[in-house]
Amino acid sequence: NGLWLKPSCALLASAGGALVRTLLGHTGPVTCVGVSPDGRFAVSGGGSDWHGGDKTLVLWDLGTGRVVRFMRGHQEDVTCVAITPDGRFAVSGSLDKTLKVWELATGEETASLRCHTEGVVCVAITPDSKYAVSGGWDNRILIWDISKGNVVGTWLGHKCPVNCVAITPDGKCVVSAAGNAF
């Protein structure tokens, strides 16, 4: 009784299958990626390295491998990105202590959410596309109203940086993990 994963999109190769394509567009390391619910698009985030980096989000057409648009606004490395389940927005987090909401149809930044006191390193979005949950180096988990751009809840239970967050499919629970990497 092993767990089996079934691809939901024909664009993705099966495990051990051939590489479909390589997407080129960032000028530095790619630090995160999110895929739209319909599997047609991806958003990747760029970080920096000793040679520079772009700190940019790129919207990709997975069918063609082409860049749809660049989205710029973060001042530091983009560390996480998630696409809303309705496919309308991407939410990105950065070491600049912000989360930004991007309208995918236009590439416009619709909100810049700043309440973390250290870098944001993870984000997840509720199944109804209304809220984002973020975690960061300030040991906190914040719940954001995406449309209003404000914090509606804060959890302070971790004693170390929050490394990842996930939301259950019913939207009722948030699971988080924290700890020092060094």
Protein backbone atom coordinates (compact mmCIF):
# COMPACT_ATOMS: atom_id res chain seq x y z
CA ASN A 1 0.00 0.00 0.00
CA GLY A 2 2.45 2.63 -1.16
CA LEU A 3 1.49 6.24 -1.80
CA TRP A 4 1.20 7.01 -5.52
CA LEU A 5 1.39 10.44 -7.09
CA LYS A 6 -0.57 11.02 -10.27
CA PRO A 7 0.36 14.01 -12.47
CA SER A 8 -2.61 16.33 -12.95
CA CYS A 9 -1.17 18.02 -16.03
CA ALA A 10 0.11 16.54 -19.28
CA LEU A 11 2.86 19.18 -19.44
CA LEU A 12 4.81 17.57 -16.62
CA ALA A 13 7.06 14.59 -17.33
CA SER A 14 6.65 11.47 -15.25
CA ALA A 15 9.29 10.62 -12.67
CA GLY A 16 12.39 9.45 -14.49
CA GLY A 17 11.00 10.80 -17.76
CA ALA A 18 12.75 13.07 -20.20
CA LEU A 19 13.33 16.74 -19.47
CA VAL A 20 10.58 18.71 -21.22
CA ARG A 21 12.34 22.10 -21.30
CA THR A 22 14.63 24.44 -19.43
CA LEU A 23 13.29 27.90 -18.68
CA LEU A 24 15.83 30.71 -19.01
CA GLY A 25 15.14 34.26 -17.85
CA HIS A 26 16.64 34.99 -14.44
CA THR A 27 20.05 36.64 -14.14
CA GLY A 28 20.92 34.89 -10.88
CA PRO A 29 19.83 31.89 -8.81
CA VAL A 30 16.19 30.81 -8.85
CA THR A 31 15.02 30.41 -5.26
CA CYS A 32 11.36 29.38 -5.52
CA VAL A 33 8.57 28.43 -7.92
CA GLY A 34 4.79 28.13 -7.86
CA VAL A 35 2.51 26.55 -10.47
CA SER A 36 -0.99 27.73 -11.39
CA PRO A 37 -3.87 25.37 -10.55
CA ASP A 38 -4.52 24.67 -14.23
CA GLY A 39 -0.84 23.81 -14.83
CA ARG A 40 -0.47 26.34 -17.65
CA PHE A 41 1.74 28.88 -15.86
CA ALA A 42 4.53 29.05 -13.30
CA VAL A 43 5.97 31.94 -11.32
CA SER A 44 9.60 31.76 -10.27
CA GLY A 45 11.48 34.01 -7.87
CA GLY A 46 15.06 35.15 -8.10
CA GLY A 47 17.66 35.57 -5.45
CA SER A 48 21.15 36.93 -5.46
CA ASP A 49 24.62 35.53 -5.28
CA TRP A 50 28.15 36.93 -5.20
CA HIS A 51 27.72 38.02 -8.83
CA GLY A 52 24.40 39.77 -8.35
CA GLY A 53 20.89 38.59 -8.97
CA ASP A 54 17.60 39.91 -10.16
CA LYS A 55 15.28 39.80 -7.08
CA THR A 56 12.52 39.43 -9.68
CA LEU A 57 9.48 37.24 -10.26
CA VAL A 58 8.99 35.74 -13.71
CA LEU A 59 5.65 34.49 -15.04
CA TRP A 60 6.19 31.59 -17.46
CA ASP A 61 3.94 29.96 -20.04
CA LEU A 62 4.68 26.29 -19.41
CA GLY A 63 3.28 25.24 -22.78
CA THR A 64 5.79 27.29 -24.75
CA GLY A 65 8.51 27.87 -22.16
CA ARG A 66 8.37 31.60 -22.84
CA VAL A 67 8.45 34.47 -20.38
CA VAL A 68 5.03 36.12 -20.13
CA ARG A 69 6.26 38.99 -17.94
CA PHE A 70 8.70 40.11 -15.31
CA MET A 71 7.42 41.44 -11.98
CA ARG A 72 9.80 43.67 -10.05
CA GLY A 73 9.41 45.30 -6.67
CA HIS A 74 11.29 43.37 -4.00
CA GLN A 75 14.47 44.97 -2.68
CA GLU A 76 16.09 41.71 -1.54
CA ASP A 77 16.03 38.03 -2.54
CA VAL A 78 12.62 36.55 -3.34
CA THR A 79 12.43 33.50 -1.08
CA CYS A 80 8.94 32.10 -1.65
CA VAL A 81 5.98 32.33 -3.98
CA ALA A 82 2.51 30.81 -4.11
CA ILE A 83 -0.31 31.19 -6.62
CA THR A 84 -3.86 31.56 -5.38
CA PRO A 85 -6.09 28.54 -6.06
CA ASP A 86 -8.31 30.73 -8.27
CA GLY A 87 -5.21 31.45 -10.42
CA ARG A 88 -5.62 35.25 -10.27
CA PHE A 89 -2.77 36.28 -7.99
CA ALA A 90 0.70 35.33 -6.85
CA VAL A 91 1.96 36.13 -3.37
CA SER A 92 5.73 36.43 -2.95
CA GLY A 93 7.88 36.77 0.14
CA SER A 94 11.33 38.26 0.42
CA LEU A 95 14.27 38.90 2.69
CA ASP A 96 13.20 42.57 2.46
CA LYS A 97 10.57 41.64 5.12
CA THR A 98 7.61 42.04 2.75
CA LEU A 99 5.01 39.96 1.01
CA LYS A 100 3.76 41.30 -2.29
CA VAL A 101 0.54 40.44 -4.10
CA TRP A 102 0.74 40.37 -7.90
CA GLU A 103 -2.16 40.26 -10.35
CA LEU A 104 -1.05 37.65 -12.86
CA ALA A 105 -3.16 38.97 -15.77
CA THR A 106 -1.39 42.35 -15.67
CA GLY A 107 1.74 41.84 -13.59
CA GLU A 108 0.71 44.71 -11.33
CA GLU A 109 1.68 44.75 -7.68
CA THR A 110 -1.67 45.13 -5.91
CA ALA A 111 -0.40 45.13 -2.31
CA SER A 112 2.82 45.24 -0.35
CA LEU A 113 2.41 43.69 3.07
CA ARG A 114 4.99 44.60 5.69
CA CYS A 115 4.67 43.29 9.22
CA HIS A 116 7.48 40.78 9.61
CA THR A 117 10.50 42.22 11.39
CA GLU A 118 12.94 39.88 9.62
CA GLY A 119 13.02 38.12 6.26
CA VAL A 120 9.97 36.22 5.02
CA VAL A 121 10.87 32.69 3.92
CA CYS A 122 7.59 30.84 3.35
CA VAL A 123 4.04 31.49 2.24
CA ALA A 124 0.89 29.44 1.67
CA ILE A 125 -2.58 30.45 0.52
CA THR A 126 -5.94 29.23 1.78
CA PRO A 127 -8.10 27.14 -0.58
CA ASP A 128 -10.61 30.01 -0.95
CA SER A 129 -7.81 32.37 -2.17
CA LYS A 130 -8.70 34.91 0.55
CA TYR A 131 -5.80 34.57 2.99
CA ALA A 132 -2.07 34.06 2.91
CA VAL A 133 -0.04 32.60 5.76
CA SER A 134 3.61 33.61 6.01
CA GLY A 135 6.53 32.60 8.16
CA GLY A 136 9.89 34.19 8.66
CA TRP A 137 13.13 34.65 10.48
CA ASP A 138 11.31 36.62 13.20
CA ASN A 139 9.89 33.30 14.53
CA ARG A 140 6.35 34.44 13.70
CA ILE A 141 3.52 33.20 11.52
CA LEU A 142 1.20 35.86 10.17
CA ILE A 143 -2.21 35.52 8.52
CA TRP A 144 -2.97 38.14 5.85
CA ASP A 145 -6.17 39.20 4.16
CA ILE A 146 -4.98 39.24 0.54
CA SER A 147 -7.60 41.68 -0.78
CA LYS A 148 -7.29 44.18 2.08
CA GLY A 149 -3.55 43.85 2.59
CA ASN A 150 -3.67 43.63 6.37
CA VAL A 151 -2.71 41.17 9.09
CA VAL A 152 -5.67 39.37 10.65
CA GLY A 153 -3.76 37.01 12.93
CA THR A 154 -0.34 36.35 14.44
CA TRP A 155 1.09 33.18 15.99
CA LEU A 156 4.13 33.51 18.23
CA GLY A 157 4.67 29.90 19.34
CA HIS A 158 7.99 29.16 17.62
CA LYS A 159 11.29 29.86 19.33
CA CYS A 160 13.29 29.61 16.08
CA PRO A 161 12.89 30.94 12.53
CA VAL A 162 9.85 29.54 10.72
CA ASN A 163 11.05 27.62 7.66
CA CYS A 164 7.82 26.39 6.09
CA VAL A 165 4.05 26.63 6.32
CA ALA A 166 1.26 24.61 4.73
CA ILE A 167 -2.52 24.80 4.89
CA THR A 168 -4.77 21.76 4.97
CA PRO A 169 -7.07 21.31 1.93
CA ASP A 170 -10.13 22.23 4.01
CA GLY A 171 -8.43 25.49 5.07
CA LYS A 172 -8.97 24.80 8.77
CA CYS A 173 -5.41 24.12 9.91
CA VAL A 174 -1.96 25.57 9.35
CA VAL A 175 1.07 23.34 9.76
CA SER A 176 4.45 24.96 10.33
CA ALA A 177 8.03 23.92 10.92
CA ALA A 178 10.83 25.90 12.50
CA GLY A 179 14.41 25.50 13.51
CA ASN A 180 17.87 26.84 12.98
CA ALA A 181 19.74 25.59 9.95
CA PHE A 182 23.12 26.13 11.63
